[in-house]
N, C-alpha and C. Protein backbone atom coordinates (compact mmCIF):
# COMPACT_ATOMS: atom_id res chain seq x y z
N MET A 1 0.85 -1.15 0.00
CA MET A 1 0.00 0.00 0.00
C MET A 1 0.90 1.22 0.00
N ILE A 2 0.63 2.21 -0.80
CA ILE A 2 1.39 3.45 -0.74
C ILE A 2 0.60 4.39 0.14
N THR A 3 1.17 4.79 1.26
CA THR A 3 0.44 5.62 2.20
C THR A 3 0.98 7.04 2.20
N SER A 4 0.09 7.98 2.47
CA SER A 4 0.52 9.37 2.57
C SER A 4 0.57 9.76 4.04
N PRO A 5 1.38 10.76 4.37
CA PRO A 5 1.50 11.17 5.76
C PRO A 5 0.21 11.73 6.34
N SER A 6 -0.70 12.21 5.51
CA SER A 6 -1.93 12.79 6.02
C SER A 6 -2.92 11.73 6.46
N GLY A 7 -2.63 10.46 6.17
CA GLY A 7 -3.47 9.38 6.65
C GLY A 7 -4.69 9.12 5.79
N ASP A 8 -4.79 9.77 4.63
CA ASP A 8 -5.95 9.50 3.78
C ASP A 8 -5.73 8.21 3.01
N ASP A 9 -6.54 7.98 2.00
CA ASP A 9 -6.48 6.73 1.27
C ASP A 9 -5.44 6.75 0.15
N SER A 10 -4.43 7.60 0.25
CA SER A 10 -3.42 7.72 -0.78
C SER A 10 -2.37 6.65 -0.59
N VAL A 11 -2.74 5.45 -0.92
CA VAL A 11 -1.89 4.32 -0.63
C VAL A 11 -1.92 3.36 -1.80
N LEU A 12 -0.76 2.90 -2.20
CA LEU A 12 -0.70 1.86 -3.21
C LEU A 12 -0.41 0.58 -2.46
N LYS A 13 -1.38 -0.28 -2.42
CA LYS A 13 -1.23 -1.52 -1.67
C LYS A 13 -0.07 -2.32 -2.24
N PRO A 14 0.52 -3.16 -1.43
CA PRO A 14 1.64 -3.94 -1.94
C PRO A 14 1.24 -4.64 -3.23
N VAL A 15 2.11 -4.52 -4.19
CA VAL A 15 1.81 -5.07 -5.50
C VAL A 15 1.45 -6.54 -5.39
N ASN A 16 2.21 -7.28 -4.59
CA ASN A 16 1.95 -8.71 -4.50
C ASN A 16 0.60 -8.98 -3.85
N ARG A 17 0.22 -8.23 -2.81
CA ARG A 17 -1.08 -8.44 -2.19
C ARG A 17 -2.20 -8.02 -3.12
N THR A 18 -2.05 -6.88 -3.77
CA THR A 18 -3.08 -6.41 -4.68
C THR A 18 -3.26 -7.41 -5.81
N ALA A 19 -2.16 -7.86 -6.37
CA ALA A 19 -2.24 -8.80 -7.48
C ALA A 19 -2.89 -10.10 -7.02
N GLU A 20 -2.54 -10.56 -5.81
CA GLU A 20 -3.13 -11.79 -5.31
C GLU A 20 -4.63 -11.63 -5.13
N LYS A 21 -5.06 -10.52 -4.53
CA LYS A 21 -6.49 -10.31 -4.30
C LYS A 21 -7.24 -10.21 -5.62
N LEU A 22 -6.69 -9.43 -6.54
CA LEU A 22 -7.38 -9.27 -7.81
C LEU A 22 -7.35 -10.55 -8.62
N THR A 23 -6.23 -11.26 -8.59
CA THR A 23 -6.16 -12.53 -9.30
C THR A 23 -7.16 -13.51 -8.72
N ALA A 24 -7.26 -13.53 -7.41
CA ALA A 24 -8.21 -14.44 -6.77
C ALA A 24 -9.63 -14.11 -7.20
N ARG A 25 -9.98 -12.85 -7.26
CA ARG A 25 -11.32 -12.47 -7.69
C ARG A 25 -11.57 -12.87 -9.13
N HIS A 26 -10.60 -12.57 -9.99
CA HIS A 26 -10.78 -12.89 -11.40
C HIS A 26 -10.86 -14.40 -11.60
N SER A 27 -10.00 -15.15 -10.93
CA SER A 27 -10.03 -16.60 -11.12
C SER A 27 -11.31 -17.19 -10.53
N PHE A 28 -11.83 -16.60 -9.46
CA PHE A 28 -13.09 -17.08 -8.90
C PHE A 28 -14.19 -16.94 -9.93
N MET A 29 -14.24 -15.80 -10.57
CA MET A 29 -15.27 -15.57 -11.57
C MET A 29 -15.09 -16.51 -12.76
N ALA A 30 -13.85 -16.76 -13.13
CA ALA A 30 -13.61 -17.58 -14.31
C ALA A 30 -13.80 -19.07 -14.02
N THR A 31 -13.36 -19.54 -12.85
CA THR A 31 -13.43 -20.97 -12.58
C THR A 31 -14.71 -21.37 -11.88
N ASN A 32 -15.51 -20.41 -11.48
CA ASN A 32 -16.72 -20.71 -10.75
C ASN A 32 -17.90 -19.97 -11.36
N PRO A 33 -18.27 -20.29 -12.60
CA PRO A 33 -19.30 -19.52 -13.29
C PRO A 33 -20.68 -19.66 -12.67
N LEU A 34 -20.92 -20.70 -11.88
CA LEU A 34 -22.24 -20.89 -11.28
C LEU A 34 -22.39 -20.16 -9.96
N GLY A 35 -21.32 -19.55 -9.48
CA GLY A 35 -21.39 -18.79 -8.24
C GLY A 35 -21.51 -19.65 -7.00
N LYS A 36 -20.94 -20.84 -7.00
CA LYS A 36 -20.97 -21.74 -5.84
C LYS A 36 -19.62 -21.70 -5.15
N ASP A 37 -19.64 -21.71 -3.81
CA ASP A 37 -18.37 -21.77 -3.09
C ASP A 37 -17.93 -23.22 -2.95
N SER A 38 -16.84 -23.46 -2.22
CA SER A 38 -16.28 -24.80 -2.13
C SER A 38 -17.22 -25.78 -1.44
N ARG A 39 -18.17 -25.29 -0.66
CA ARG A 39 -19.13 -26.16 0.02
C ARG A 39 -20.39 -26.38 -0.80
N GLY A 40 -20.46 -25.81 -1.99
CA GLY A 40 -21.62 -25.97 -2.85
C GLY A 40 -22.71 -24.95 -2.60
N LYS A 41 -22.47 -24.02 -1.69
CA LYS A 41 -23.46 -22.98 -1.40
C LYS A 41 -23.29 -21.83 -2.38
N SER A 42 -24.38 -21.11 -2.59
CA SER A 42 -24.33 -19.98 -3.50
C SER A 42 -23.44 -18.89 -2.92
N ALA A 43 -22.66 -18.30 -3.78
CA ALA A 43 -21.80 -17.20 -3.39
C ALA A 43 -22.08 -16.03 -4.31
N ALA A 44 -22.13 -14.86 -3.75
CA ALA A 44 -22.38 -13.68 -4.56
C ALA A 44 -21.09 -13.26 -5.24
N PRO A 45 -21.05 -13.33 -6.57
CA PRO A 45 -19.83 -12.92 -7.27
C PRO A 45 -19.62 -11.41 -7.13
N THR A 46 -18.37 -11.03 -7.01
CA THR A 46 -18.03 -9.63 -6.88
C THR A 46 -17.77 -9.06 -8.26
N ALA A 47 -18.50 -8.03 -8.62
CA ALA A 47 -18.33 -7.41 -9.93
C ALA A 47 -17.17 -6.43 -9.86
N ILE A 48 -16.26 -6.55 -10.79
CA ILE A 48 -15.13 -5.63 -10.89
C ILE A 48 -15.49 -4.60 -11.95
N GLU A 49 -15.43 -3.33 -11.58
CA GLU A 49 -15.77 -2.26 -12.50
C GLU A 49 -14.54 -1.87 -13.31
N ALA A 50 -14.79 -1.34 -14.49
CA ALA A 50 -13.70 -0.85 -15.34
C ALA A 50 -13.09 0.39 -14.70
N CYS A 51 -11.81 0.53 -14.85
CA CYS A 51 -11.09 1.67 -14.28
C CYS A 51 -11.48 2.95 -15.02
N THR A 52 -11.68 4.01 -14.27
CA THR A 52 -12.04 5.29 -14.88
C THR A 52 -10.81 6.08 -15.32
N GLU A 53 -9.63 5.65 -14.89
CA GLU A 53 -8.38 6.31 -15.29
C GLU A 53 -7.91 5.70 -16.60
N ASP A 54 -7.52 6.54 -17.55
CA ASP A 54 -7.06 6.05 -18.85
C ASP A 54 -5.56 5.75 -18.79
N PHE A 55 -5.22 4.55 -18.34
CA PHE A 55 -3.81 4.18 -18.21
C PHE A 55 -3.16 3.92 -19.57
N GLU A 56 -3.94 3.70 -20.59
CA GLU A 56 -3.38 3.44 -21.91
C GLU A 56 -2.62 4.66 -22.44
N SER A 57 -3.12 5.85 -22.15
CA SER A 57 -2.51 7.06 -22.71
C SER A 57 -1.49 7.72 -21.78
N LYS A 58 -1.16 7.08 -20.67
CA LYS A 58 -0.18 7.66 -19.74
C LYS A 58 1.23 7.56 -20.30
N ASN A 59 2.10 8.43 -19.82
CA ASN A 59 3.49 8.43 -20.22
C ASN A 59 4.29 7.57 -19.24
N TYR A 60 4.77 6.44 -19.70
CA TYR A 60 5.47 5.49 -18.84
C TYR A 60 6.98 5.67 -18.87
N THR A 61 7.47 6.71 -19.51
CA THR A 61 8.92 6.89 -19.61
C THR A 61 9.58 7.12 -18.25
N ILE A 62 8.84 7.63 -17.28
CA ILE A 62 9.41 7.81 -15.94
C ILE A 62 9.87 6.47 -15.39
N ILE A 63 9.13 5.41 -15.71
CA ILE A 63 9.50 4.07 -15.24
C ILE A 63 10.50 3.43 -16.19
N THR A 64 10.20 3.45 -17.48
CA THR A 64 11.05 2.75 -18.44
C THR A 64 12.43 3.37 -18.57
N SER A 65 12.57 4.66 -18.28
CA SER A 65 13.89 5.29 -18.37
C SER A 65 14.74 5.04 -17.13
N GLN A 66 14.11 4.75 -16.00
CA GLN A 66 14.86 4.57 -14.75
C GLN A 66 14.97 3.12 -14.30
N CYS A 67 14.07 2.29 -14.74
CA CYS A 67 14.06 0.89 -14.30
C CYS A 67 14.45 0.01 -15.48
N LYS A 68 15.74 -0.29 -15.55
CA LYS A 68 16.26 -1.04 -16.69
C LYS A 68 16.94 -2.32 -16.23
N GLY A 69 16.78 -3.37 -17.04
CA GLY A 69 17.38 -4.66 -16.72
C GLY A 69 18.70 -4.81 -17.44
N PRO A 70 19.33 -5.90 -17.31
CA PRO A 70 18.84 -7.15 -16.71
C PRO A 70 18.92 -7.15 -15.19
N LYS A 71 19.73 -6.28 -14.60
CA LYS A 71 19.79 -6.21 -13.13
C LYS A 71 18.98 -5.00 -12.69
N TYR A 72 17.73 -5.23 -12.33
CA TYR A 72 16.83 -4.17 -11.94
C TYR A 72 17.20 -3.67 -10.54
N GLN A 73 17.47 -2.38 -10.44
CA GLN A 73 17.86 -1.78 -9.17
C GLN A 73 16.62 -1.41 -8.36
N VAL A 74 16.57 -1.87 -7.12
CA VAL A 74 15.42 -1.62 -6.26
C VAL A 74 15.17 -0.12 -6.11
N THR A 75 16.22 0.63 -5.83
CA THR A 75 16.07 2.06 -5.57
C THR A 75 15.46 2.79 -6.75
N SER A 76 16.03 2.61 -7.93
CA SER A 76 15.55 3.36 -9.09
C SER A 76 14.19 2.86 -9.58
N CYS A 77 13.98 1.55 -9.56
CA CYS A 77 12.71 1.00 -10.04
C CYS A 77 11.55 1.40 -9.13
N CYS A 78 11.75 1.29 -7.84
CA CYS A 78 10.67 1.59 -6.89
C CYS A 78 10.39 3.09 -6.82
N ALA A 79 11.44 3.90 -6.91
CA ALA A 79 11.24 5.35 -6.92
C ALA A 79 10.45 5.76 -8.16
N ALA A 80 10.77 5.16 -9.29
CA ALA A 80 10.04 5.46 -10.53
C ALA A 80 8.59 5.00 -10.44
N LEU A 81 8.38 3.82 -9.87
CA LEU A 81 7.01 3.32 -9.70
C LEU A 81 6.20 4.26 -8.82
N LYS A 82 6.78 4.70 -7.72
CA LYS A 82 6.08 5.62 -6.83
C LYS A 82 5.79 6.95 -7.51
N LYS A 83 6.76 7.46 -8.25
CA LYS A 83 6.56 8.73 -8.94
C LYS A 83 5.41 8.63 -9.94
N PHE A 84 5.32 7.49 -10.60
CA PHE A 84 4.25 7.30 -11.57
C PHE A 84 2.91 7.00 -10.89
N ALA A 85 2.90 6.09 -9.92
CA ALA A 85 1.66 5.54 -9.38
C ALA A 85 1.03 6.35 -8.25
N CYS A 86 1.81 7.10 -7.49
CA CYS A 86 1.24 7.82 -6.34
C CYS A 86 0.08 8.74 -6.70
N PRO A 87 0.14 9.49 -7.80
CA PRO A 87 -1.02 10.33 -8.13
C PRO A 87 -2.31 9.54 -8.37
N PHE A 88 -2.21 8.25 -8.64
CA PHE A 88 -3.38 7.42 -8.91
C PHE A 88 -3.66 6.44 -7.77
N SER A 89 -3.02 6.64 -6.62
CA SER A 89 -3.11 5.64 -5.54
C SER A 89 -4.54 5.37 -5.10
N ASP A 90 -5.39 6.39 -5.10
CA ASP A 90 -6.77 6.16 -4.67
C ASP A 90 -7.49 5.21 -5.62
N LYS A 91 -7.23 5.32 -6.90
CA LYS A 91 -7.87 4.44 -7.88
C LYS A 91 -7.23 3.06 -7.91
N ILE A 92 -5.91 3.01 -7.77
CA ILE A 92 -5.20 1.73 -7.80
C ILE A 92 -5.59 0.87 -6.61
N ASN A 93 -5.85 1.49 -5.47
CA ASN A 93 -6.19 0.75 -4.26
C ASN A 93 -7.65 0.35 -4.18
N ASP A 94 -8.47 0.81 -5.09
CA ASP A 94 -9.88 0.44 -5.08
C ASP A 94 -10.02 -0.96 -5.65
N LEU A 95 -10.25 -1.93 -4.78
CA LEU A 95 -10.33 -3.33 -5.21
C LEU A 95 -11.62 -3.64 -5.96
N ASN A 96 -12.52 -2.66 -6.07
CA ASN A 96 -13.74 -2.86 -6.85
C ASN A 96 -13.54 -2.50 -8.31
N THR A 97 -12.34 -2.03 -8.66
CA THR A 97 -12.04 -1.70 -10.05
C THR A 97 -10.86 -2.53 -10.53
N ASP A 98 -10.64 -2.49 -11.82
CA ASP A 98 -9.50 -3.20 -12.39
C ASP A 98 -8.33 -2.26 -12.65
N CYS A 99 -8.25 -1.15 -11.91
CA CYS A 99 -7.19 -0.16 -12.13
C CYS A 99 -5.79 -0.72 -11.90
N ALA A 100 -5.58 -1.45 -10.81
CA ALA A 100 -4.25 -1.98 -10.51
C ALA A 100 -3.77 -2.95 -11.59
N PRO A 101 -4.54 -3.97 -11.94
CA PRO A 101 -4.05 -4.87 -12.98
C PRO A 101 -3.91 -4.18 -14.33
N THR A 102 -4.77 -3.21 -14.62
CA THR A 102 -4.66 -2.48 -15.88
C THR A 102 -3.36 -1.69 -15.92
N MET A 103 -3.08 -0.94 -14.84
CA MET A 103 -1.86 -0.15 -14.79
C MET A 103 -0.62 -1.03 -14.92
N PHE A 104 -0.58 -2.12 -14.15
CA PHE A 104 0.60 -2.98 -14.19
C PHE A 104 0.74 -3.70 -15.52
N SER A 105 -0.35 -3.99 -16.19
CA SER A 105 -0.23 -4.63 -17.51
C SER A 105 0.38 -3.65 -18.51
N TYR A 106 0.02 -2.36 -18.42
CA TYR A 106 0.64 -1.37 -19.31
C TYR A 106 2.10 -1.13 -18.94
N ILE A 107 2.41 -1.09 -17.65
CA ILE A 107 3.80 -0.93 -17.23
C ILE A 107 4.64 -2.08 -17.76
N ASN A 108 4.16 -3.30 -17.58
CA ASN A 108 4.90 -4.48 -18.06
C ASN A 108 4.99 -4.50 -19.58
N SER A 109 3.94 -4.07 -20.24
CA SER A 109 3.92 -4.06 -21.70
C SER A 109 4.90 -3.02 -22.26
N PHE A 110 4.85 -1.79 -21.75
CA PHE A 110 5.73 -0.74 -22.26
C PHE A 110 7.19 -0.96 -21.85
N GLY A 111 7.42 -1.57 -20.70
CA GLY A 111 8.79 -1.75 -20.22
C GLY A 111 9.36 -3.12 -20.47
N ASN A 112 8.56 -4.03 -21.02
CA ASN A 112 8.99 -5.43 -21.22
C ASN A 112 9.59 -6.01 -19.95
N TYR A 113 8.92 -5.79 -18.83
CA TYR A 113 9.40 -6.27 -17.54
C TYR A 113 8.94 -7.71 -17.30
N PRO A 114 9.72 -8.46 -16.54
CA PRO A 114 9.28 -9.81 -16.19
C PRO A 114 8.06 -9.75 -15.27
N PRO A 115 7.25 -10.80 -15.26
CA PRO A 115 6.06 -10.80 -14.40
C PRO A 115 6.44 -10.62 -12.93
N ALA A 116 5.64 -9.86 -12.22
CA ALA A 116 5.78 -9.62 -10.78
C ALA A 116 7.10 -8.97 -10.39
N LEU A 117 7.75 -8.26 -11.30
CA LEU A 117 9.00 -7.59 -10.98
C LEU A 117 8.81 -6.60 -9.83
N PHE A 118 7.82 -5.73 -9.94
CA PHE A 118 7.62 -4.70 -8.93
C PHE A 118 7.10 -5.30 -7.63
N ALA A 119 6.38 -6.39 -7.71
CA ALA A 119 5.90 -7.06 -6.49
C ALA A 119 7.07 -7.60 -5.68
N SER A 120 8.08 -8.09 -6.37
CA SER A 120 9.22 -8.66 -5.65
C SER A 120 10.23 -7.58 -5.24
N LEU A 121 10.32 -6.49 -5.98
CA LEU A 121 11.30 -5.44 -5.67
C LEU A 121 10.80 -4.42 -4.65
N CYS A 122 9.58 -3.99 -4.79
CA CYS A 122 9.11 -2.80 -4.09
C CYS A 122 8.24 -3.12 -2.88
N THR A 123 8.88 -3.27 -1.74
CA THR A 123 8.15 -3.46 -0.48
C THR A 123 8.81 -2.58 0.57
N GLU A 124 8.02 -1.80 1.29
CA GLU A 124 8.55 -0.93 2.34
C GLU A 124 8.06 -1.34 3.72
N GLY A 125 7.09 -2.17 3.81
CA GLY A 125 6.55 -2.56 5.10
C GLY A 125 5.18 -3.19 4.95
N LYS A 126 4.50 -3.37 6.08
CA LYS A 126 3.18 -3.99 6.06
C LYS A 126 2.19 -3.23 5.19
N GLU A 127 2.25 -1.92 5.25
CA GLU A 127 1.30 -1.10 4.51
C GLU A 127 1.72 -0.88 3.06
N GLY A 128 2.86 -1.35 2.66
CA GLY A 128 3.30 -1.20 1.27
C GLY A 128 4.14 0.04 1.07
N LEU A 129 4.11 0.58 -0.12
CA LEU A 129 4.90 1.76 -0.47
C LEU A 129 4.22 3.02 0.02
N SER A 130 4.98 3.92 0.62
CA SER A 130 4.42 5.16 1.15
C SER A 130 4.56 6.29 0.15
N CYS A 131 3.48 7.02 -0.04
CA CYS A 131 3.50 8.22 -0.88
C CYS A 131 3.47 9.44 0.02
N THR A 132 4.30 10.41 -0.30
CA THR A 132 4.21 11.69 0.40
C THR A 132 3.06 12.47 -0.22
N ASP A 133 2.60 13.50 0.45
CA ASP A 133 1.53 14.33 -0.11
C ASP A 133 1.96 14.94 -1.44
N ASP A 134 3.24 15.32 -1.54
CA ASP A 134 3.74 15.89 -2.78
C ASP A 134 3.67 14.87 -3.92
N GLU A 135 4.00 13.61 -3.63
CA GLU A 135 3.94 12.58 -4.67
C GLU A 135 2.50 12.30 -5.09
N VAL A 136 1.59 12.33 -4.14
CA VAL A 136 0.18 12.08 -4.45
C VAL A 136 -0.37 13.20 -5.32
N ASN A 137 0.00 14.43 -5.02
CA ASN A 137 -0.54 15.58 -5.75
C ASN A 137 0.25 15.93 -7.00
N ALA A 138 1.37 15.26 -7.26
CA ALA A 138 2.24 15.61 -8.38
C ALA A 138 1.53 15.54 -9.72
N GLY A 139 0.73 14.54 -9.95
CA GLY A 139 0.08 14.39 -11.25
C GLY A 139 -1.28 15.03 -11.34
N LYS A 140 -1.73 15.63 -10.27
CA LYS A 140 -3.07 16.22 -10.26
C LYS A 140 -2.98 17.69 -10.61
N PRO A 141 -3.95 18.18 -11.36
CA PRO A 141 -3.92 19.60 -11.72
C PRO A 141 -4.09 20.48 -10.49
N ASN A 142 -3.43 21.62 -10.53
CA ASN A 142 -3.54 22.58 -9.45
C ASN A 142 -4.94 23.18 -9.47
N ARG A 143 -5.65 23.12 -8.37
CA ARG A 143 -7.03 23.59 -8.31
C ARG A 143 -7.11 25.12 -8.14
N VAL A 144 -6.01 25.77 -7.84
CA VAL A 144 -6.00 27.22 -7.68
C VAL A 144 -5.73 27.84 -9.04
N PRO A 145 -6.62 28.72 -9.51
CA PRO A 145 -6.39 29.32 -10.83
C PRO A 145 -5.15 30.20 -10.81
N PRO A 146 -4.42 30.21 -11.92
CA PRO A 146 -3.21 31.04 -11.96
C PRO A 146 -3.57 32.53 -11.91
N ARG A 147 -2.70 33.31 -11.30
CA ARG A 147 -2.92 34.75 -11.24
C ARG A 147 -2.61 35.37 -12.59
N PHE A 148 -3.35 36.43 -12.88
CA PHE A 148 -3.08 37.13 -14.12
C PHE A 148 -1.84 37.99 -13.94
N SER A 149 -0.98 37.90 -14.90
CA SER A 149 0.25 38.67 -14.84
C SER A 149 -0.03 40.08 -15.35
N GLN A 150 0.38 41.07 -14.60
CA GLN A 150 0.17 42.45 -15.01
C GLN A 150 1.48 42.99 -15.55
N SER A 151 1.71 42.75 -16.81
CA SER A 151 2.96 43.19 -17.41
C SER A 151 2.88 44.69 -17.72
N PRO A 152 4.00 45.37 -17.66
CA PRO A 152 4.02 46.80 -17.97
C PRO A 152 3.55 47.09 -19.39
N MET A 153 3.88 46.21 -20.33
CA MET A 153 3.48 46.44 -21.71
C MET A 153 1.96 46.37 -21.86
N LEU A 154 1.34 45.43 -21.15
CA LEU A 154 -0.11 45.30 -21.19
C LEU A 154 -0.77 46.54 -20.59
N MET A 155 -0.21 47.05 -19.51
CA MET A 155 -0.75 48.25 -18.87
C MET A 155 -0.62 49.47 -19.79
N LEU A 156 0.50 49.59 -20.47
CA LEU A 156 0.68 50.70 -21.41
C LEU A 156 -0.31 50.61 -22.56
N ALA A 157 -0.50 49.41 -23.09
CA ALA A 157 -1.44 49.24 -24.20
C ALA A 157 -2.86 49.57 -23.76
N ALA A 158 -3.25 49.13 -22.57
CA ALA A 158 -4.60 49.42 -22.07
C ALA A 158 -4.77 50.92 -21.86
N GLY A 159 -3.76 51.57 -21.28
CA GLY A 159 -3.82 53.02 -21.07
C GLY A 159 -3.91 53.77 -22.38
N PHE A 160 -3.15 53.34 -23.38
CA PHE A 160 -3.18 53.98 -24.69
C PHE A 160 -4.56 53.84 -25.32
N LEU A 161 -5.17 52.66 -25.22
CA LEU A 161 -6.50 52.46 -25.80
C LEU A 161 -7.55 53.32 -25.10
N ILE A 162 -7.47 53.44 -23.79
CA ILE A 162 -8.41 54.29 -23.05
C ILE A 162 -8.25 55.74 -23.47
N LEU A 163 -7.03 56.19 -23.59
CA LEU A 163 -6.75 57.55 -24.02
C LEU A 163 -7.25 57.78 -25.44
N LEU A 164 -7.04 56.81 -26.30
CA LEU A 164 -7.47 56.91 -27.70
C LEU A 164 -8.99 57.00 -27.79
N PHE A 165 -9.72 56.21 -27.02
CA PHE A 165 -11.18 56.22 -27.06
C PHE A 165 -11.75 57.51 -26.46
N ASN A 166 -11.04 58.12 -25.52
CA ASN A 166 -11.51 59.38 -24.94
C ASN A 166 -11.40 60.53 -25.94
N TRP A 167 -10.49 60.48 -26.86
CA TRP A 167 -10.32 61.54 -27.84
C TRP A 167 -11.37 61.46 -28.94
N PHE A 168 -11.91 60.28 -29.20
CA PHE A 168 -12.85 60.15 -30.32
C PHE A 168 -14.23 59.95 -29.86
């Protein structure tokens, strides 16, 4: 899990745990089409929703430029993963969506990484990888509108136009 210091849900769960949970859900749906559990009782299948984040169009060069094989370095690979994934941690951690497997499939596809590379490399503790507030907000647009710049040239042009309109 990638956690933020503010204690919100800005956490990327451990890749291996997330993958195991999602794989278990997907395999349950695939191998148990009748919705029966191991005792033969009806089980309510869990519907996985499509991810609302468009991971297909993301720029993966932050990962592919820093995490290179054949000897994958833990420091550079995990730092790159955090830099890329922290802004999406809320969506990646939602086990009701397919965001985590979708993101990792694109990462593996664009980087030609071996299966479960990041699951085996990137572990910081029980809660997974920690995101700072800056890392979480890095990919999100600034909600404060930019201030208008009052350049001297613009002020002169506006003053000239006002003067010009007063004469006519």
